[in-house]
Amino acid sequence: MTAWLEHARFVADPLPADWREQLARRLGQRPRRLGPWAEQAVYGARECLAKAGETTLPEGAVLRLASFSGPRSATRTIALQATEGLPMPFAFMQSQASHALAALSEHLGWRGDARFVLQRDRTALRALAEMEAEAAGATSLLFGWVEEDQSTDWRWLVPAG
């Protein structure tokens, strides 16, 4: 089994009051049509890569995004909209965790193996992500944990040796 070393780490817990402004500065504009949870994912991932002096995720990397609860506010919004009729399309998209994966791909300049997992055990999930990355022959693993309006925690891991 491959050992994985932490190449870069970014943790914001709690989130800074100006995290959205920081993200807009880093991207050169405010992201469009993203819910708060997906924005937090992009913010944390970009900050993690910046810690290593990078702006894009390299080819051959795999990406794993996890959360205890996912995009809660968007889910509440569509539940409310559903009581009044059909949910609005953008609200529905923002309630889907996979929407964050597409946003990460776009804002990291990357295409590849990306997955979202709703989970409570961070240690077990990281071990699973490392096993999957090894099995895929990945050159690196970007692993993030995002809790809406609370925290974003990202690790960029590379194989040891």
C-alpha atoms as a PDB file:
ATOM      1  CA  MET A   1       0.000   0.000   0.000  1.00  0.00           C
ATOM      2  CA  THR A   2       1.271   3.442  -0.963  1.00  0.00           C
ATOM      3  CA  ALA A   3       1.905   5.989   1.760  1.00  0.00           C
ATOM      4  CA  TRP A   4       0.596   9.467   0.951  1.00  0.00           C
ATOM      5  CA  LEU A   5       2.341  12.646   2.068  1.00  0.00           C
ATOM      6  CA  GLU A   6       0.660  15.988   2.593  1.00  0.00           C
ATOM      7  CA  HIS A   7       1.967  18.334  -0.101  1.00  0.00           C
ATOM      8  CA  ALA A   8      -0.308  21.250   0.875  1.00  0.00           C
ATOM      9  CA  ARG A   9      -3.099  21.926   3.339  1.00  0.00           C
ATOM     10  CA  PHE A  10      -5.717  24.619   3.758  1.00  0.00           C
ATOM     11  CA  VAL A  11      -8.185  24.769   6.637  1.00  0.00           C
ATOM     12  CA  ALA A  12     -10.675  27.561   7.331  1.00  0.00           C
ATOM     13  CA  ASP A  13     -12.643  26.705  10.473  1.00  0.00           C
ATOM     14  CA  PRO A  14     -14.447  28.975  10.933  1.00  0.00           C
ATOM     15  CA  LEU A  15     -14.615  30.595   7.525  1.00  0.00           C
ATOM     16  CA  PRO A  16     -13.263  34.155   7.386  1.00  0.00           C
ATOM     17  CA  ALA A  17     -15.943  36.830   7.016  1.00  0.00           C
ATOM     18  CA  ASP A  18     -14.552  37.841   3.617  1.00  0.00           C
ATOM     19  CA  TRP A  19     -14.060  34.373   2.107  1.00  0.00           C
ATOM     20  CA  ARG A  20     -16.316  35.153  -0.869  1.00  0.00           C
ATOM     21  CA  GLU A  21     -14.327  38.281  -1.668  1.00  0.00           C
ATOM     22  CA  GLN A  22     -11.083  36.296  -1.388  1.00  0.00           C
ATOM     23  CA  LEU A  23     -12.471  33.729  -3.839  1.00  0.00           C
ATOM     24  CA  ALA A  24     -13.559  36.407  -6.318  1.00  0.00           C
ATOM     25  CA  ARG A  25     -10.074  37.974  -6.181  1.00  0.00           C
ATOM     26  CA  ARG A  26      -8.378  34.613  -6.738  1.00  0.00           C
ATOM     27  CA  LEU A  27     -10.663  33.759  -9.688  1.00  0.00           C
ATOM     28  CA  GLY A  28     -10.648  37.275 -11.134  1.00  0.00           C
ATOM     29  CA  GLN A  29     -14.446  37.415 -10.850  1.00  0.00           C
ATOM     30  CA  ARG A  30     -17.280  36.203  -8.687  1.00  0.00           C
ATOM     31  CA  PRO A  31     -18.328  32.653  -9.598  1.00  0.00           C
ATOM     32  CA  ARG A  32     -21.735  32.437 -11.240  1.00  0.00           C
ATOM     33  CA  ARG A  33     -24.618  30.102 -10.513  1.00  0.00           C
ATOM     34  CA  LEU A  34     -22.945  28.347  -7.605  1.00  0.00           C
ATOM     35  CA  GLY A  35     -24.592  27.795  -4.280  1.00  0.00           C
ATOM     36  CA  PRO A  36     -22.718  28.621  -1.067  1.00  0.00           C
ATOM     37  CA  TRP A  37     -21.564  25.042  -0.487  1.00  0.00           C
ATOM     38  CA  ALA A  38     -20.035  24.683  -3.961  1.00  0.00           C
ATOM     39  CA  GLU A  39     -18.442  28.140  -3.618  1.00  0.00           C
ATOM     40  CA  GLN A  40     -16.871  27.045  -0.331  1.00  0.00           C
ATOM     41  CA  ALA A  41     -15.507  23.927  -2.029  1.00  0.00           C
ATOM     42  CA  VAL A  42     -13.914  25.990  -4.805  1.00  0.00           C
ATOM     43  CA  TYR A  43     -12.561  28.496  -2.256  1.00  0.00           C
ATOM     44  CA  GLY A  44     -10.904  25.808  -0.147  1.00  0.00           C
ATOM     45  CA  ALA A  45      -9.510  23.802  -3.058  1.00  0.00           C
ATOM     46  CA  ARG A  46      -8.024  26.893  -4.736  1.00  0.00           C
ATOM     47  CA  GLU A  47      -6.485  28.066  -1.454  1.00  0.00           C
ATOM     48  CA  CYS A  48      -4.992  24.609  -0.872  1.00  0.00           C
ATOM     49  CA  LEU A  49      -3.358  24.578  -4.304  1.00  0.00           C
ATOM     50  CA  ALA A  50      -2.147  28.159  -3.784  1.00  0.00           C
ATOM     51  CA  LYS A  51      -0.310  27.000  -0.646  1.00  0.00           C
ATOM     52  CA  ALA A  52       1.767  24.822  -2.999  1.00  0.00           C
ATOM     53  CA  GLY A  53       2.205  27.644  -5.520  1.00  0.00           C
ATOM     54  CA  GLU A  54      -0.237  26.119  -8.026  1.00  0.00           C
ATOM     55  CA  THR A  55      -3.354  27.474  -9.734  1.00  0.00           C
ATOM     56  CA  THR A  56      -4.508  24.237 -11.392  1.00  0.00           C
ATOM     57  CA  LEU A  57      -4.750  20.626 -10.335  1.00  0.00           C
ATOM     58  CA  PRO A  58      -2.314  18.519 -12.362  1.00  0.00           C
ATOM     59  CA  GLU A  59      -3.377  15.852 -14.812  1.00  0.00           C
ATOM     60  CA  GLY A  60      -3.358  12.423 -13.197  1.00  0.00           C
ATOM     61  CA  ALA A  61      -4.758  13.679  -9.900  1.00  0.00           C
ATOM     62  CA  VAL A  62      -7.967  12.376  -8.362  1.00  0.00           C
ATOM     63  CA  LEU A  63     -10.373  14.528  -6.364  1.00  0.00           C
ATOM     64  CA  ARG A  64     -12.557  13.544  -3.434  1.00  0.00           C
ATOM     65  CA  LEU A  65     -15.078  15.871  -1.794  1.00  0.00           C
ATOM     66  CA  ALA A  66     -16.833  14.911   1.416  1.00  0.00           C
ATOM     67  CA  SER A  67     -19.284  16.389   3.889  1.00  0.00           C
ATOM     68  CA  PHE A  68     -21.503  15.479   6.815  1.00  0.00           C
ATOM     69  CA  SER A  69     -24.469  17.235   5.210  1.00  0.00           C
ATOM     70  CA  GLY A  70     -23.689  18.566   1.726  1.00  0.00           C
ATOM     71  CA  PRO A  71     -25.444  21.634   0.247  1.00  0.00           C
ATOM     72  CA  ARG A  72     -28.019  22.145   3.028  1.00  0.00           C
ATOM     73  CA  SER A  73     -29.309  25.613   2.170  1.00  0.00           C
ATOM     74  CA  ALA A  74     -29.982  24.678  -1.469  1.00  0.00           C
ATOM     75  CA  THR A  75     -31.742  21.505  -0.346  1.00  0.00           C
ATOM     76  CA  ARG A  76     -33.952  23.533   2.010  1.00  0.00           C
ATOM     77  CA  THR A  77     -34.685  25.999  -0.801  1.00  0.00           C
ATOM     78  CA  ILE A  78     -35.891  23.330  -3.231  1.00  0.00           C
ATOM     79  CA  ALA A  79     -37.931  21.630  -0.517  1.00  0.00           C
ATOM     80  CA  LEU A  80     -39.711  24.942   0.076  1.00  0.00           C
ATOM     81  CA  GLN A  81     -40.112  25.571  -3.662  1.00  0.00           C
ATOM     82  CA  ALA A  82     -41.540  22.063  -4.098  1.00  0.00           C
ATOM     83  CA  THR A  83     -44.364  22.903  -1.674  1.00  0.00           C
ATOM     84  CA  GLU A  84     -45.298  25.782  -3.987  1.00  0.00           C
ATOM     85  CA  GLY A  85     -44.870  23.958  -7.299  1.00  0.00           C
ATOM     86  CA  LEU A  86     -41.806  22.810  -9.201  1.00  0.00           C
ATOM     87  CA  PRO A  87     -38.366  23.837  -7.879  1.00  0.00           C
ATOM     88  CA  MET A  88     -36.434  26.356  -9.941  1.00  0.00           C
ATOM     89  CA  PRO A  89     -33.751  24.731 -12.133  1.00  0.00           C
ATOM     90  CA  PHE A  90     -30.739  26.567 -10.666  1.00  0.00           C
ATOM     91  CA  ALA A  91     -31.899  25.904  -7.113  1.00  0.00           C
ATOM     92  CA  PHE A  92     -32.268  22.226  -7.969  1.00  0.00           C
ATOM     93  CA  MET A  93     -28.779  22.098  -9.548  1.00  0.00           C
ATOM     94  CA  GLN A  94     -27.242  23.789  -6.518  1.00  0.00           C
ATOM     95  CA  SER A  95     -28.767  21.139  -4.251  1.00  0.00           C
ATOM     96  CA  GLN A  96     -26.831  18.410  -6.068  1.00  0.00           C
ATOM     97  CA  ALA A  97     -23.369  17.689  -4.658  1.00  0.00           C
ATOM     98  CA  SER A  98     -22.153  16.780  -8.144  1.00  0.00           C
ATOM     99  CA  HIS A  99     -22.635  20.425  -9.116  1.00  0.00           C
ATOM    100  CA  ALA A 100     -19.683  21.233  -6.839  1.00  0.00           C
ATOM    101  CA  LEU A 101     -17.559  18.632  -8.637  1.00  0.00           C
ATOM    102  CA  ALA A 102     -18.242  20.323 -11.981  1.00  0.00           C
ATOM    103  CA  ALA A 103     -17.374  23.717 -10.473  1.00  0.00           C
ATOM    104  CA  LEU A 104     -14.147  22.328  -9.018  1.00  0.00           C
ATOM    105  CA  SER A 105     -13.200  20.867 -12.383  1.00  0.00           C
ATOM    106  CA  GLU A 106     -13.806  24.211 -14.076  1.00  0.00           C
ATOM    107  CA  HIS A 107     -12.030  26.376 -11.509  1.00  0.00           C
ATOM    108  CA  LEU A 108      -9.069  24.015 -11.047  1.00  0.00           C
ATOM    109  CA  GLY A 109      -8.488  23.657 -14.796  1.00  0.00           C
ATOM    110  CA  TRP A 110      -8.715  19.906 -14.440  1.00  0.00           C
ATOM    111  CA  ARG A 111     -10.578  16.863 -15.779  1.00  0.00           C
ATOM    112  CA  GLY A 112     -10.480  13.469 -14.150  1.00  0.00           C
ATOM    113  CA  ASP A 113     -11.774  11.155 -11.469  1.00  0.00           C
ATOM    114  CA  ALA A 114     -13.893  13.153  -8.998  1.00  0.00           C
ATOM    115  CA  ARG A 115     -16.346  11.836  -6.416  1.00  0.00           C
ATOM    116  CA  PHE A 116     -18.506  13.147  -3.603  1.00  0.00           C
ATOM    117  CA  VAL A 117     -19.179  11.144  -0.446  1.00  0.00           C
ATOM    118  CA  LEU A 118     -21.598  11.965   2.335  1.00  0.00           C
ATOM    119  CA  GLN A 119     -19.843  10.587   5.417  1.00  0.00           C
ATOM    120  CA  ARG A 120     -19.255  11.076   9.128  1.00  0.00           C
ATOM    121  CA  ASP A 121     -15.924   9.270   9.612  1.00  0.00           C
ATOM    122  CA  ARG A 122     -13.146  11.443   8.173  1.00  0.00           C
ATOM    123  CA  THR A 123     -10.374   8.965   8.936  1.00  0.00           C
ATOM    124  CA  ALA A 124     -12.079   6.027   7.218  1.00  0.00           C
ATOM    125  CA  LEU A 125     -13.019   8.175   4.244  1.00  0.00           C
ATOM    126  CA  ARG A 126      -9.480   9.486   3.792  1.00  0.00           C
ATOM    127  CA  ALA A 127      -8.149   5.913   3.915  1.00  0.00           C
ATOM    128  CA  LEU A 128     -10.692   4.902   1.254  1.00  0.00           C
ATOM    129  CA  ALA A 129      -9.741   7.911  -0.913  1.00  0.00           C
ATOM    130  CA  GLU A 130      -6.057   6.975  -0.639  1.00  0.00           C
ATOM    131  CA  MET A 131      -6.807   3.358  -1.637  1.00  0.00           C
ATOM    132  CA  GLU A 132      -8.882   4.526  -4.615  1.00  0.00           C
ATOM    133  CA  ALA A 133      -6.146   6.944  -5.700  1.00  0.00           C
ATOM    134  CA  GLU A 134      -3.526   4.198  -5.498  1.00  0.00           C
ATOM    135  CA  ALA A 135      -5.720   1.778  -7.470  1.00  0.00           C
ATOM    136  CA  ALA A 136      -6.220   4.453 -10.140  1.00  0.00           C
ATOM    137  CA  GLY A 137      -2.476   5.081 -10.401  1.00  0.00           C
ATOM    138  CA  ALA A 138      -3.041   8.719  -9.428  1.00  0.00           C
ATOM    139  CA  THR A 139      -0.152  11.159  -9.323  1.00  0.00           C
ATOM    140  CA  SER A 140      -1.844  13.057  -6.475  1.00  0.00           C
ATOM    141  CA  LEU A 141      -5.039  13.226  -4.434  1.00  0.00           C
ATOM    142  CA  LEU A 142      -6.952  16.405  -3.608  1.00  0.00           C
ATOM    143  CA  PHE A 143      -9.184  15.595  -0.635  1.00  0.00           C
ATOM    144  CA  GLY A 144     -11.652  18.126   0.758  1.00  0.00           C
ATOM    145  CA  TRP A 145     -14.222  18.252   3.522  1.00  0.00           C
ATOM    146  CA  VAL A 146     -16.774  21.086   3.306  1.00  0.00           C
ATOM    147  CA  GLU A 147     -19.490  22.014   5.791  1.00  0.00           C
ATOM    148  CA  GLU A 148     -21.719  24.849   4.561  1.00  0.00           C
ATOM    149  CA  ASP A 149     -21.273  28.158   6.411  1.00  0.00           C
ATOM    150  CA  GLN A 150     -18.846  26.481   8.816  1.00  0.00           C
ATOM    151  CA  SER A 151     -15.594  25.182   7.401  1.00  0.00           C
ATOM    152  CA  THR A 152     -13.560  24.014   4.456  1.00  0.00           C
ATOM    153  CA  ASP A 153     -10.636  21.616   4.951  1.00  0.00           C
ATOM    154  CA  TRP A 154      -8.466  20.526   2.003  1.00  0.00           C
ATOM    155  CA  ARG A 155      -5.364  18.338   1.690  1.00  0.00           C
ATOM    156  CA  TRP A 156      -3.297  17.795  -1.428  1.00  0.00           C
ATOM    157  CA  LEU A 157      -1.549  14.465  -1.076  1.00  0.00           C
ATOM    158  CA  VAL A 158       1.222  12.909  -3.158  1.00  0.00           C
ATOM    159  CA  PRO A 159       2.605   9.360  -3.042  1.00  0.00           C
ATOM    160  CA  ALA A 160       5.661   8.982  -0.803  1.00  0.00           C
ATOM    161  CA  GLY A 161       8.877   8.078  -2.530  1.00  0.00           C
END
